[in-house]
Amino acid sequence: LLDAAALASTSPLDLSNAATAPDFVALSFYKIFGFPNLGALIVRKVSA
């Protein structure tokens, strides 16, 4: 699991390499944009 809540607000998040991508990525759109109060959980299909 990659907690990218703070990372995504300051750096681009590149998950294009399936071999190194985490199974789950949690991020906060609020921390990126300042609004709205939403988050996301990105899930690899093979780990769902």
All heavy atoms as atom14 arrays in JSON, in Angstrom:
{
  "sequence": "LLDAAALASTSPLDLSNAATAPDFVALSFYKIFGFPNLGALIVRKVSA",
  "atom14_mask": [
    [1, 1, 1, 1, 1, 1, 1, 1, 0, 0, 0, 0, 0, 0],
    [1, 1, 1, 1, 1, 1, 1, 1, 0, 0, 0, 0, 0, 0],
    [1, 1, 1, 1, 1, 1, 1, 1, 0, 0, 0, 0, 0, 0],
    [1, 1, 1, 1, 1, 0, 0, 0, 0, 0, 0, 0, 0, 0],
    [1, 1, 1, 1, 1, 0, 0, 0, 0, 0, 0, 0, 0, 0],
    [1, 1, 1, 1, 1, 0, 0, 0, 0, 0, 0, 0, 0, 0],
    [1, 1, 1, 1, 1, 1, 1, 1, 0, 0, 0, 0, 0, 0],
    [1, 1, 1, 1, 1, 0, 0, 0, 0, 0, 0, 0, 0, 0],
    [1, 1, 1, 1, 1, 1, 0, 0, 0, 0, 0, 0, 0, 0],
    [1, 1, 1, 1, 1, 1, 1, 0, 0, 0, 0, 0, 0, 0],
    [1, 1, 1, 1, 1, 1, 0, 0, 0, 0, 0, 0, 0, 0],
    [1, 1, 1, 1, 1, 1, 1, 0, 0, 0, 0, 0, 0, 0],
    [1, 1, 1, 1, 1, 1, 1, 1, 0, 0, 0, 0, 0, 0],
    [1, 1, 1, 1, 1, 1, 1, 1, 0, 0, 0, 0, 0, 0],
    [1, 1, 1, 1, 1, 1, 1, 1, 0, 0, 0, 0, 0, 0],
    [1, 1, 1, 1, 1, 1, 0, 0, 0, 0, 0, 0, 0, 0],
    [1, 1, 1, 1, 1, 1, 1, 1, 0, 0, 0, 0, 0, 0],
    [1, 1, 1, 1, 1, 0, 0, 0, 0, 0, 0, 0, 0, 0],
    [1, 1, 1, 1, 1, 0, 0, 0, 0, 0, 0, 0, 0, 0],
    [1, 1, 1, 1, 1, 1, 1, 0, 0, 0, 0, 0, 0, 0],
    [1, 1, 1, 1, 1, 0, 0, 0, 0, 0, 0, 0, 0, 0],
    [1, 1, 1, 1, 1, 1, 1, 0, 0, 0, 0, 0, 0, 0],
    [1, 1, 1, 1, 1, 1, 1, 1, 0, 0, 0, 0, 0, 0],
    [1, 1, 1, 1, 1, 1, 1, 1, 1, 1, 1, 0, 0, 0],
    [1, 1, 1, 1, 1, 1, 1, 0, 0, 0, 0, 0, 0, 0],
    [1, 1, 1, 1, 1, 0, 0, 0, 0, 0, 0, 0, 0, 0],
    [1, 1, 1, 1, 1, 1, 1, 1, 0, 0, 0, 0, 0, 0],
    [1, 1, 1, 1, 1, 1, 0, 0, 0, 0, 0, 0, 0, 0],
    [1, 1, 1, 1, 1, 1, 1, 1, 1, 1, 1, 0, 0, 0],
    [1, 1, 1, 1, 1, 1, 1, 1, 1, 1, 1, 1, 0, 0],
    [1, 1, 1, 1, 1, 1, 1, 1, 1, 0, 0, 0, 0, 0],
    [1, 1, 1, 1, 1, 1, 1, 1, 0, 0, 0, 0, 0, 0],
    [1, 1, 1, 1, 1, 1, 1, 1, 1, 1, 1, 0, 0, 0],
    [1, 1, 1, 1, 0, 0, 0, 0, 0, 0, 0, 0, 0, 0],
    [1, 1, 1, 1, 1, 1, 1, 1, 1, 1, 1, 0, 0, 0],
    [1, 1, 1, 1, 1, 1, 1, 0, 0, 0, 0, 0, 0, 0],
    [1, 1, 1, 1, 1, 1, 1, 1, 0, 0, 0, 0, 0, 0],
    [1, 1, 1, 1, 1, 1, 1, 1, 0, 0, 0, 0, 0, 0],
    [1, 1, 1, 1, 0, 0, 0, 0, 0, 0, 0, 0, 0, 0],
    [1, 1, 1, 1, 1, 0, 0, 0, 0, 0, 0, 0, 0, 0],
    [1, 1, 1, 1, 1, 1, 1, 1, 0, 0, 0, 0, 0, 0],
    [1, 1, 1, 1, 1, 1, 1, 1, 0, 0, 0, 0, 0, 0],
    [1, 1, 1, 1, 1, 1, 1, 0, 0, 0, 0, 0, 0, 0],
    [1, 1, 1, 1, 1, 1, 1, 1, 1, 1, 1, 0, 0, 0],
    [1, 1, 1, 1, 1, 1, 1, 1, 1, 0, 0, 0, 0, 0],
    [1, 1, 1, 1, 1, 1, 1, 0, 0, 0, 0, 0, 0, 0],
    [1, 1, 1, 1, 1, 1, 0, 0, 0, 0, 0, 0, 0, 0],
    [1, 1, 1, 1, 1, 0, 0, 0, 0, 0, 0, 0, 0, 0]
  ],
  "atom14_positions": [
    [[0.86, -1.18, 0.0], [0.0, 0.0, 0.0], [0.89, 1.23, 0.0], [1.79, 1.34, 0.84], [-0.9, 0.02, 1.23], [-1.62, 1.35, 1.5], [-2.77, 1.52, 0.54], [-2.1, 1.41, 2.93], [0.0, 0.0, 0.0], [0.0, 0.0, 0.0], [0.0, 0.0, 0.0], [0.0, 0.0, 0.0], [0.0, 0.0, 0.0], [0.0, 0.0, 0.0]],
    [[0.66, 2.12, -0.93], [1.37, 3.39, -0.97], [0.41, 4.47, -0.5], [-0.64, 4.69, -1.1], [1.85, 3.71, -2.39], [2.43, 5.1, -2.61], [3.69, 5.3, -1.77], [2.72, 5.33, -4.07], [0.0, 0.0, 0.0], [0.0, 0.0, 0.0], [0.0, 0.0, 0.0], [0.0, 0.0, 0.0], [0.0, 0.0, 0.0], [0.0, 0.0, 0.0]],
    [[0.76, 5.12, 0.6], [-0.02, 6.25, 1.08], [0.53, 7.48, 0.38], [1.52, 8.06, 0.79], [0.1, 6.38, 2.6], [-0.72, 7.54, 3.14], [-1.36, 8.25, 2.35], [-0.71, 7.74, 4.37], [0.0, 0.0, 0.0], [0.0, 0.0, 0.0], [0.0, 0.0, 0.0], [0.0, 0.0, 0.0], [0.0, 0.0, 0.0], [0.0, 0.0, 0.0]],
    [[-0.13, 7.85, -0.71], [0.36, 8.95, -1.54], [-0.38, 10.25, -1.27], [-0.35, 11.16, -2.09], [0.22, 8.56, -3.01], [0.0, 0.0, 0.0], [0.0, 0.0, 0.0], [0.0, 0.0, 0.0], [0.0, 0.0, 0.0], [0.0, 0.0, 0.0], [0.0, 0.0, 0.0], [0.0, 0.0, 0.0], [0.0, 0.0, 0.0], [0.0, 0.0, 0.0]],
    [[-1.02, 10.37, -0.12], [-1.79, 11.56, 0.18], [-0.92, 12.81, 0.15], [-1.27, 13.81, -0.48], [-2.47, 11.41, 1.54], [0.0, 0.0, 0.0], [0.0, 0.0, 0.0], [0.0, 0.0, 0.0], [0.0, 0.0, 0.0], [0.0, 0.0, 0.0], [0.0, 0.0, 0.0], [0.0, 0.0, 0.0], [0.0, 0.0, 0.0], [0.0, 0.0, 0.0]],
    [[0.21, 12.78, 0.8], [1.1, 13.94, 0.79], [1.98, 13.97, -0.45], [2.27, 15.03, -0.99], [1.97, 13.94, 2.05], [0.0, 0.0, 0.0], [0.0, 0.0, 0.0], [0.0, 0.0, 0.0], [0.0, 0.0, 0.0], [0.0, 0.0, 0.0], [0.0, 0.0, 0.0], [0.0, 0.0, 0.0], [0.0, 0.0, 0.0], [0.0, 0.0, 0.0]],
    [[2.41, 12.81, -0.93], [3.28, 12.73, -2.09], [2.63, 13.32, -3.33], [3.24, 14.1, -4.07], [3.67, 11.27, -2.36], [4.47, 11.01, -3.63], [5.86, 11.59, -3.5], [4.52, 9.52, -3.94], [0.0, 0.0, 0.0], [0.0, 0.0, 0.0], [0.0, 0.0, 0.0], [0.0, 0.0, 0.0], [0.0, 0.0, 0.0], [0.0, 0.0, 0.0]],
    [[1.37, 12.99, -3.58], [0.69, 13.45, -4.79], [0.46, 14.95, -4.81], [0.24, 15.53, -5.87], [-0.63, 12.71, -4.95], [0.0, 0.0, 0.0], [0.0, 0.0, 0.0], [0.0, 0.0, 0.0], [0.0, 0.0, 0.0], [0.0, 0.0, 0.0], [0.0, 0.0, 0.0], [0.0, 0.0, 0.0], [0.0, 0.0, 0.0], [0.0, 0.0, 0.0]],
    [[0.53, 15.59, -3.65], [0.33, 17.05, -3.62], [1.59, 17.81, -4.03], [1.51, 18.99, -4.35], [-0.13, 17.49, -2.23], [0.89, 17.25, -1.29], [0.0, 0.0, 0.0], [0.0, 0.0, 0.0], [0.0, 0.0, 0.0], [0.0, 0.0, 0.0], [0.0, 0.0, 0.0], [0.0, 0.0, 0.0], [0.0, 0.0, 0.0], [0.0, 0.0, 0.0]],
    [[2.75, 17.15, -4.02], [4.0, 17.85, -4.34], [4.77, 17.25, -5.5], [5.7, 17.86, -6.0], [4.93, 17.87, -3.11], [5.21, 16.52, -2.72], [4.3, 18.63, -1.97], [0.0, 0.0, 0.0], [0.0, 0.0, 0.0], [0.0, 0.0, 0.0], [0.0, 0.0, 0.0], [0.0, 0.0, 0.0], [0.0, 0.0, 0.0], [0.0, 0.0, 0.0]],
    [[4.42, 16.04, -5.93], [5.15, 15.36, -6.99], [4.18, 14.61, -7.89], [3.14, 14.14, -7.43], [6.12, 14.33, -6.4], [7.02, 14.93, -5.52], [0.0, 0.0, 0.0], [0.0, 0.0, 0.0], [0.0, 0.0, 0.0], [0.0, 0.0, 0.0], [0.0, 0.0, 0.0], [0.0, 0.0, 0.0], [0.0, 0.0, 0.0], [0.0, 0.0, 0.0]],
    [[4.54, 14.45, -9.16], [3.69, 13.63, -10.02], [3.73, 12.17, -9.57], [4.78, 11.68, -9.15], [4.3, 13.78, -11.42], [5.5, 14.64, -11.28], [5.66, 15.05, -9.86], [0.0, 0.0, 0.0], [0.0, 0.0, 0.0], [0.0, 0.0, 0.0], [0.0, 0.0, 0.0], [0.0, 0.0, 0.0], [0.0, 0.0, 0.0], [0.0, 0.0, 0.0]],
    [[2.61, 11.52, -9.65], [2.5, 10.11, -9.25], [2.44, 9.27, -10.52], [1.47, 9.33, -11.26], [1.26, 9.9, -8.39], [1.02, 8.5, -7.85], [2.17, 8.07, -6.96], [-0.28, 8.46, -7.09], [0.0, 0.0, 0.0], [0.0, 0.0, 0.0], [0.0, 0.0, 0.0], [0.0, 0.0, 0.0], [0.0, 0.0, 0.0], [0.0, 0.0, 0.0]],
    [[3.49, 8.51, -10.79], [3.57, 7.71, -12.0], [3.41, 6.23, -11.64], [4.28, 5.64, -11.03], [4.92, 7.94, -12.68], [5.06, 7.18, -13.99], [4.04, 6.65, -14.48], [6.18, 7.11, -14.51], [0.0, 0.0, 0.0], [0.0, 0.0, 0.0], [0.0, 0.0, 0.0], [0.0, 0.0, 0.0], [0.0, 0.0, 0.0], [0.0, 0.0, 0.0]],
    [[2.28, 5.68, -12.04], [1.98, 4.27, -11.79], [1.96, 3.48, -13.09], [1.36, 2.42, -13.17], [0.64, 4.12, -11.07], [0.51, 4.84, -9.73], [-0.91, 4.75, -9.21], [1.49, 4.28, -8.73], [0.0, 0.0, 0.0], [0.0, 0.0, 0.0], [0.0, 0.0, 0.0], [0.0, 0.0, 0.0], [0.0, 0.0, 0.0], [0.0, 0.0, 0.0]],
    [[2.62, 3.99, -14.11], [2.56, 3.37, -15.44], [3.32, 2.06, -15.54], [3.02, 1.24, -16.41], [3.07, 4.35, -16.5], [4.42, 4.69, -16.24], [0.0, 0.0, 0.0], [0.0, 0.0, 0.0], [0.0, 0.0, 0.0], [0.0, 0.0, 0.0], [0.0, 0.0, 0.0], [0.0, 0.0, 0.0], [0.0, 0.0, 0.0], [0.0, 0.0, 0.0]],
    [[4.29, 1.83, -14.67], [5.05, 0.57, -14.71], [4.36, -0.45, -13.81], [4.47, -0.41, -12.59], [6.49, 0.81, -14.27], [7.35, -0.43, -14.42], [6.86, -1.51, -14.74], [8.63, -0.27, -14.17], [0.0, 0.0, 0.0], [0.0, 0.0, 0.0], [0.0, 0.0, 0.0], [0.0, 0.0, 0.0], [0.0, 0.0, 0.0], [0.0, 0.0, 0.0]],
    [[3.65, -1.38, -14.42], [2.88, -2.37, -13.65], [3.77, -3.27, -12.8], [3.34, -3.78, -11.77], [2.04, -3.22, -14.59], [0.0, 0.0, 0.0], [0.0, 0.0, 0.0], [0.0, 0.0, 0.0], [0.0, 0.0, 0.0], [0.0, 0.0, 0.0], [0.0, 0.0, 0.0], [0.0, 0.0, 0.0], [0.0, 0.0, 0.0], [0.0, 0.0, 0.0]],
    [[5.02, -3.45, -13.2], [5.92, -4.34, -12.44], [6.32, -3.74, -11.1], [6.58, -4.47, -10.15], [7.16, -4.64, -13.26], [0.0, 0.0, 0.0], [0.0, 0.0, 0.0], [0.0, 0.0, 0.0], [0.0, 0.0, 0.0], [0.0, 0.0, 0.0], [0.0, 0.0, 0.0], [0.0, 0.0, 0.0], [0.0, 0.0, 0.0], [0.0, 0.0, 0.0]],
    [[6.38, -2.42, -11.0], [6.81, -1.79, -9.75], [5.67, -1.08, -9.02], [5.87, -0.64, -7.89], [7.93, -0.77, -10.01], [7.43, 0.26, -10.88], [9.14, -1.43, -10.62], [0.0, 0.0, 0.0], [0.0, 0.0, 0.0], [0.0, 0.0, 0.0], [0.0, 0.0, 0.0], [0.0, 0.0, 0.0], [0.0, 0.0, 0.0], [0.0, 0.0, 0.0]],
    [[4.51, -0.99, -9.61], [3.4, -0.27, -8.99], [2.9, -1.02, -7.76], [2.88, -2.25, -7.73], [2.25, -0.11, -9.98], [0.0, 0.0, 0.0], [0.0, 0.0, 0.0], [0.0, 0.0, 0.0], [0.0, 0.0, 0.0], [0.0, 0.0, 0.0], [0.0, 0.0, 0.0], [0.0, 0.0, 0.0], [0.0, 0.0, 0.0], [0.0, 0.0, 0.0]],
    [[2.49, -0.29, -6.72], [1.94, -0.94, -5.52], [0.57, -1.56, -5.81], [-0.08, -1.23, -6.8], [1.83, 0.2, -4.51], [1.86, 1.45, -5.31], [2.56, 1.15, -6.58], [0.0, 0.0, 0.0], [0.0, 0.0, 0.0], [0.0, 0.0, 0.0], [0.0, 0.0, 0.0], [0.0, 0.0, 0.0], [0.0, 0.0, 0.0], [0.0, 0.0, 0.0]],
    [[0.14, -2.44, -4.92], [-1.16, -3.08, -5.08], [-2.3, -2.1, -4.79], [-3.35, -2.17, -5.41], [-1.27, -4.28, -4.14], [-0.26, -5.35, -4.51], [-0.37, -5.9, -5.61], [0.65, -5.6, -3.7], [0.0, 0.0, 0.0], [0.0, 0.0, 0.0], [0.0, 0.0, 0.0], [0.0, 0.0, 0.0], [0.0, 0.0, 0.0], [0.0, 0.0, 0.0]],
    [[-2.07, -1.21, -3.82], [-3.08, -0.24, -3.43], [-2.41, 1.12, -3.26], [-1.3, 1.21, -2.72], [-3.74, -0.63, -2.09], [-4.31, -2.03, -2.11], [-3.59, -3.09, -1.61], [-5.55, -2.26, -2.65], [-4.09, -4.38, -1.64], [-6.08, -3.55, -2.68], [-5.35, -4.61, -2.18], [0.0, 0.0, 0.0], [0.0, 0.0, 0.0], [0.0, 0.0, 0.0]],
    [[-3.07, 2.17, -3.71], [-2.58, 3.53, -3.53], [-3.72, 4.36, -2.95], [-4.81, 4.41, -3.53], [-2.11, 4.16, -4.87], [-1.66, 5.6, -4.65], [-1.0, 3.35, -5.5], [0.0, 0.0, 0.0], [0.0, 0.0, 0.0], [0.0, 0.0, 0.0], [0.0, 0.0, 0.0], [0.0, 0.0, 0.0], [0.0, 0.0, 0.0], [0.0, 0.0, 0.0]],
    [[-3.48, 4.99, -1.82], [-4.47, 5.87, -1.21], [-4.0, 7.31, -1.4], [-2.83, 7.61, -1.18], [-4.6, 5.56, 0.28], [0.0, 0.0, 0.0], [0.0, 0.0, 0.0], [0.0, 0.0, 0.0], [0.0, 0.0, 0.0], [0.0, 0.0, 0.0], [0.0, 0.0, 0.0], [0.0, 0.0, 0.0], [0.0, 0.0, 0.0], [0.0, 0.0, 0.0]],
    [[-4.92, 8.16, -1.83], [-4.55, 9.57, -1.97], [-5.73, 10.46, -1.62], [-6.87, 10.03, -1.6], [-4.0, 9.87, -3.37], [-4.84, 9.57, -4.58], [-5.6, 10.8, -5.03], [-3.92, 9.14, -5.7], [0.0, 0.0, 0.0], [0.0, 0.0, 0.0], [0.0, 0.0, 0.0], [0.0, 0.0, 0.0], [0.0, 0.0, 0.0], [0.0, 0.0, 0.0]],
    [[-5.4, 11.71, -1.34], [-6.39, 12.69, -0.92], [-6.43, 13.83, -1.92], [-5.42, 14.51, -2.13], [-6.03, 13.23, 0.47], [-6.81, 14.36, 0.77], [0.0, 0.0, 0.0], [0.0, 0.0, 0.0], [0.0, 0.0, 0.0], [0.0, 0.0, 0.0], [0.0, 0.0, 0.0], [0.0, 0.0, 0.0], [0.0, 0.0, 0.0], [0.0, 0.0, 0.0]],
    [[-7.58, 14.03, -2.54], [-7.71, 15.15, -3.47], [-7.71, 16.48, -2.72], [-7.31, 17.5, -3.25], [-8.98, 15.01, -4.32], [-8.93, 13.82, -5.22], [-9.83, 12.79, -5.1], [-7.95, 13.71, -6.2], [-9.78, 11.68, -5.92], [-7.88, 12.62, -7.04], [-8.8, 11.6, -6.9], [0.0, 0.0, 0.0], [0.0, 0.0, 0.0], [0.0, 0.0, 0.0]],
    [[-8.15, 16.45, -1.47], [-8.13, 17.66, -0.66], [-6.7, 18.17, -0.47], [-6.44, 19.36, -0.54], [-8.78, 17.39, 0.71], [-8.77, 18.61, 1.6], [-9.72, 19.61, 1.42], [-7.81, 18.77, 2.58], [-9.71, 20.74, 2.21], [-7.79, 19.89, 3.38], [-8.75, 20.88, 3.19], [-8.73, 22.0, 3.96], [0.0, 0.0, 0.0], [0.0, 0.0, 0.0]],
    [[-5.76, 17.25, -0.27], [-4.37, 17.67, -0.08], [-3.73, 18.15, -1.38], [-2.78, 18.91, -1.37], [-3.54, 16.53, 0.51], [-3.88, 16.28, 1.96], [-2.95, 15.27, 2.56], [-3.27, 15.09, 4.04], [-2.36, 14.15, 4.69], [0.0, 0.0, 0.0], [0.0, 0.0, 0.0], [0.0, 0.0, 0.0], [0.0, 0.0, 0.0], [0.0, 0.0, 0.0]],
    [[-4.25, 17.71, -2.51], [-3.72, 18.15, -3.79], [-4.3, 19.51, -4.18], [-3.57, 20.43, -4.54], [-4.03, 17.11, -4.9], [-3.36, 15.78, -4.57], [-3.57, 17.62, -6.26], [-3.78, 14.64, -5.5], [0.0, 0.0, 0.0], [0.0, 0.0, 0.0], [0.0, 0.0, 0.0], [0.0, 0.0, 0.0], [0.0, 0.0, 0.0], [0.0, 0.0, 0.0]],
    [[-5.63, 19.64, -4.12], [-6.3, 20.82, -4.64], [-6.8, 21.79, -3.57], [-7.15, 22.91, -3.89], [-7.5, 20.4, -5.5], [-7.16, 19.44, -6.6], [-7.74, 18.2, -6.64], [-6.26, 19.78, -7.59], [-7.44, 17.3, -7.65], [-5.94, 18.9, -8.61], [-6.54, 17.66, -8.64], [0.0, 0.0, 0.0], [0.0, 0.0, 0.0], [0.0, 0.0, 0.0]],
    [[-6.89, 21.38, -2.32], [-7.47, 22.23, -1.28], [-8.97, 22.02, -1.12], [-9.56, 22.47, -0.16], [0.0, 0.0, 0.0], [0.0, 0.0, 0.0], [0.0, 0.0, 0.0], [0.0, 0.0, 0.0], [0.0, 0.0, 0.0], [0.0, 0.0, 0.0], [0.0, 0.0, 0.0], [0.0, 0.0, 0.0], [0.0, 0.0, 0.0], [0.0, 0.0, 0.0]],
    [[-9.59, 21.4, -2.06], [-10.99, 20.99, -2.05], [-11.13, 19.97, -3.15], [-10.22, 19.84, -3.97], [-11.92, 22.18, -2.26], [-12.05, 22.6, -3.71], [-13.15, 22.22, -4.46], [-11.07, 23.34, -4.34], [-13.27, 22.59, -5.79], [-11.17, 23.71, -5.66], [-12.27, 23.34, -6.38], [0.0, 0.0, 0.0], [0.0, 0.0, 0.0], [0.0, 0.0, 0.0]],
    [[-12.12, 19.23, -3.33], [-13.2, 18.88, -2.43], [-12.76, 17.82, -1.43], [-11.65, 17.29, -1.55], [-14.26, 18.33, -3.38], [-13.47, 17.7, -4.48], [-12.23, 18.54, -4.62], [0.0, 0.0, 0.0], [0.0, 0.0, 0.0], [0.0, 0.0, 0.0], [0.0, 0.0, 0.0], [0.0, 0.0, 0.0], [0.0, 0.0, 0.0], [0.0, 0.0, 0.0]],
    [[-13.6, 17.52, -0.52], [-13.28, 16.56, 0.53], [-13.47, 15.13, 0.0], [-14.44, 14.46, 0.33], [-14.14, 16.82, 1.75], [-13.69, 16.01, 2.93], [-12.59, 15.48, 2.94], [-14.54, 15.9, 3.94], [0.0, 0.0, 0.0], [0.0, 0.0, 0.0], [0.0, 0.0, 0.0], [0.0, 0.0, 0.0], [0.0, 0.0, 0.0], [0.0, 0.0, 0.0]],
    [[-12.55, 14.7, -0.86], [-12.61, 13.37, -1.46], [-11.25, 12.71, -1.42], [-10.22, 13.39, -1.39], [-13.01, 13.46, -2.94], [-14.45, 13.72, -3.29], [-14.6, 13.86, -4.8], [-15.35, 12.61, -2.8], [0.0, 0.0, 0.0], [0.0, 0.0, 0.0], [0.0, 0.0, 0.0], [0.0, 0.0, 0.0], [0.0, 0.0, 0.0], [0.0, 0.0, 0.0]],
    [[-11.27, 11.41, -1.44], [-10.04, 10.64, -1.54], [-10.24, 9.53, -2.55], [-11.32, 9.38, -3.12], [0.0, 0.0, 0.0], [0.0, 0.0, 0.0], [0.0, 0.0, 0.0], [0.0, 0.0, 0.0], [0.0, 0.0, 0.0], [0.0, 0.0, 0.0], [0.0, 0.0, 0.0], [0.0, 0.0, 0.0], [0.0, 0.0, 0.0], [0.0, 0.0, 0.0]],
    [[-9.19, 8.79, -2.79], [-9.28, 7.69, -3.76], [-8.45, 6.52, -3.27], [-7.43, 6.7, -2.6], [-8.78, 8.14, -5.13], [0.0, 0.0, 0.0], [0.0, 0.0, 0.0], [0.0, 0.0, 0.0], [0.0, 0.0, 0.0], [0.0, 0.0, 0.0], [0.0, 0.0, 0.0], [0.0, 0.0, 0.0], [0.0, 0.0, 0.0], [0.0, 0.0, 0.0]],
    [[-8.89, 5.34, -3.61], [-8.13, 4.12, -3.41], [-7.97, 3.5, -4.79], [-8.94, 3.08, -5.41], [-8.84, 3.15, -2.47], [-8.15, 1.81, -2.26], [-6.8, 2.01, -1.56], [-9.03, 0.87, -1.46], [0.0, 0.0, 0.0], [0.0, 0.0, 0.0], [0.0, 0.0, 0.0], [0.0, 0.0, 0.0], [0.0, 0.0, 0.0], [0.0, 0.0, 0.0]],
    [[-6.74, 3.46, -5.27], [-6.44, 2.86, -6.56], [-6.01, 1.42, -6.29], [-5.13, 1.17, -5.47], [-5.33, 3.63, -7.29], [-5.75, 5.1, -7.47], [-5.0, 2.99, -8.63], [-4.64, 6.0, -7.94], [0.0, 0.0, 0.0], [0.0, 0.0, 0.0], [0.0, 0.0, 0.0], [0.0, 0.0, 0.0], [0.0, 0.0, 0.0], [0.0, 0.0, 0.0]],
    [[-6.65, 0.47, -6.97], [-6.46, -0.96, -6.7], [-6.0, -1.67, -7.96], [-6.6, -1.52, -9.02], [-7.79, -1.59, -6.21], [-7.62, -3.07, -5.92], [-8.32, -0.86, -4.99], [0.0, 0.0, 0.0], [0.0, 0.0, 0.0], [0.0, 0.0, 0.0], [0.0, 0.0, 0.0], [0.0, 0.0, 0.0], [0.0, 0.0, 0.0], [0.0, 0.0, 0.0]],
    [[-4.93, -2.47, -7.83], [-4.52, -3.34, -8.94], [-5.58, -4.42, -9.12], [-6.06, -5.0, -8.13], [-3.2, -4.04, -8.62], [-1.99, -3.18, -8.74], [-0.76, -3.94, -8.28], [-0.48, -5.11, -9.09], [0.51, -5.17, -9.99], [1.29, -4.14, -10.14], [0.7, -6.26, -10.69], [0.0, 0.0, 0.0], [0.0, 0.0, 0.0], [0.0, 0.0, 0.0]],
    [[-5.95, -4.71, -10.33], [-7.0, -5.71, -10.58], [-6.64, -7.06, -9.99], [-7.5, -7.76, -9.46], [-7.26, -5.83, -12.07], [-7.99, -4.65, -12.64], [-8.26, -4.83, -14.11], [-8.96, -3.61, -14.66], [-9.23, -3.74, -16.1], [0.0, 0.0, 0.0], [0.0, 0.0, 0.0], [0.0, 0.0, 0.0], [0.0, 0.0, 0.0], [0.0, 0.0, 0.0]],
    [[-5.38, -7.46, -10.08], [-4.99, -8.79, -9.58], [-5.01, -8.85, -8.05], [-4.99, -9.94, -7.49], [-3.61, -9.22, -10.11], [-3.62, -9.37, -11.61], [-2.52, -8.26, -9.68], [0.0, 0.0, 0.0], [0.0, 0.0, 0.0], [0.0, 0.0, 0.0], [0.0, 0.0, 0.0], [0.0, 0.0, 0.0], [0.0, 0.0, 0.0], [0.0, 0.0, 0.0]],
    [[-5.05, -7.72, -7.37], [-5.06, -7.69, -5.9], [-6.44, -7.4, -5.33], [-6.63, -7.45, -4.12], [-4.09, -6.63, -5.4], [-2.8, -6.87, -5.9], [0.0, 0.0, 0.0], [0.0, 0.0, 0.0], [0.0, 0.0, 0.0], [0.0, 0.0, 0.0], [0.0, 0.0, 0.0], [0.0, 0.0, 0.0], [0.0, 0.0, 0.0], [0.0, 0.0, 0.0]],
    [[-7.4, -7.1, -6.17], [-8.73, -6.69, -5.7], [-9.46, -7.77, -4.92], [-10.3, -7.47, -4.08], [-9.58, -6.26, -6.89], [0.0, 0.0, 0.0], [0.0, 0.0, 0.0], [0.0, 0.0, 0.0], [0.0, 0.0, 0.0], [0.0, 0.0, 0.0], [0.0, 0.0, 0.0], [0.0, 0.0, 0.0], [0.0, 0.0, 0.0], [0.0, 0.0, 0.0]]
  ]
}
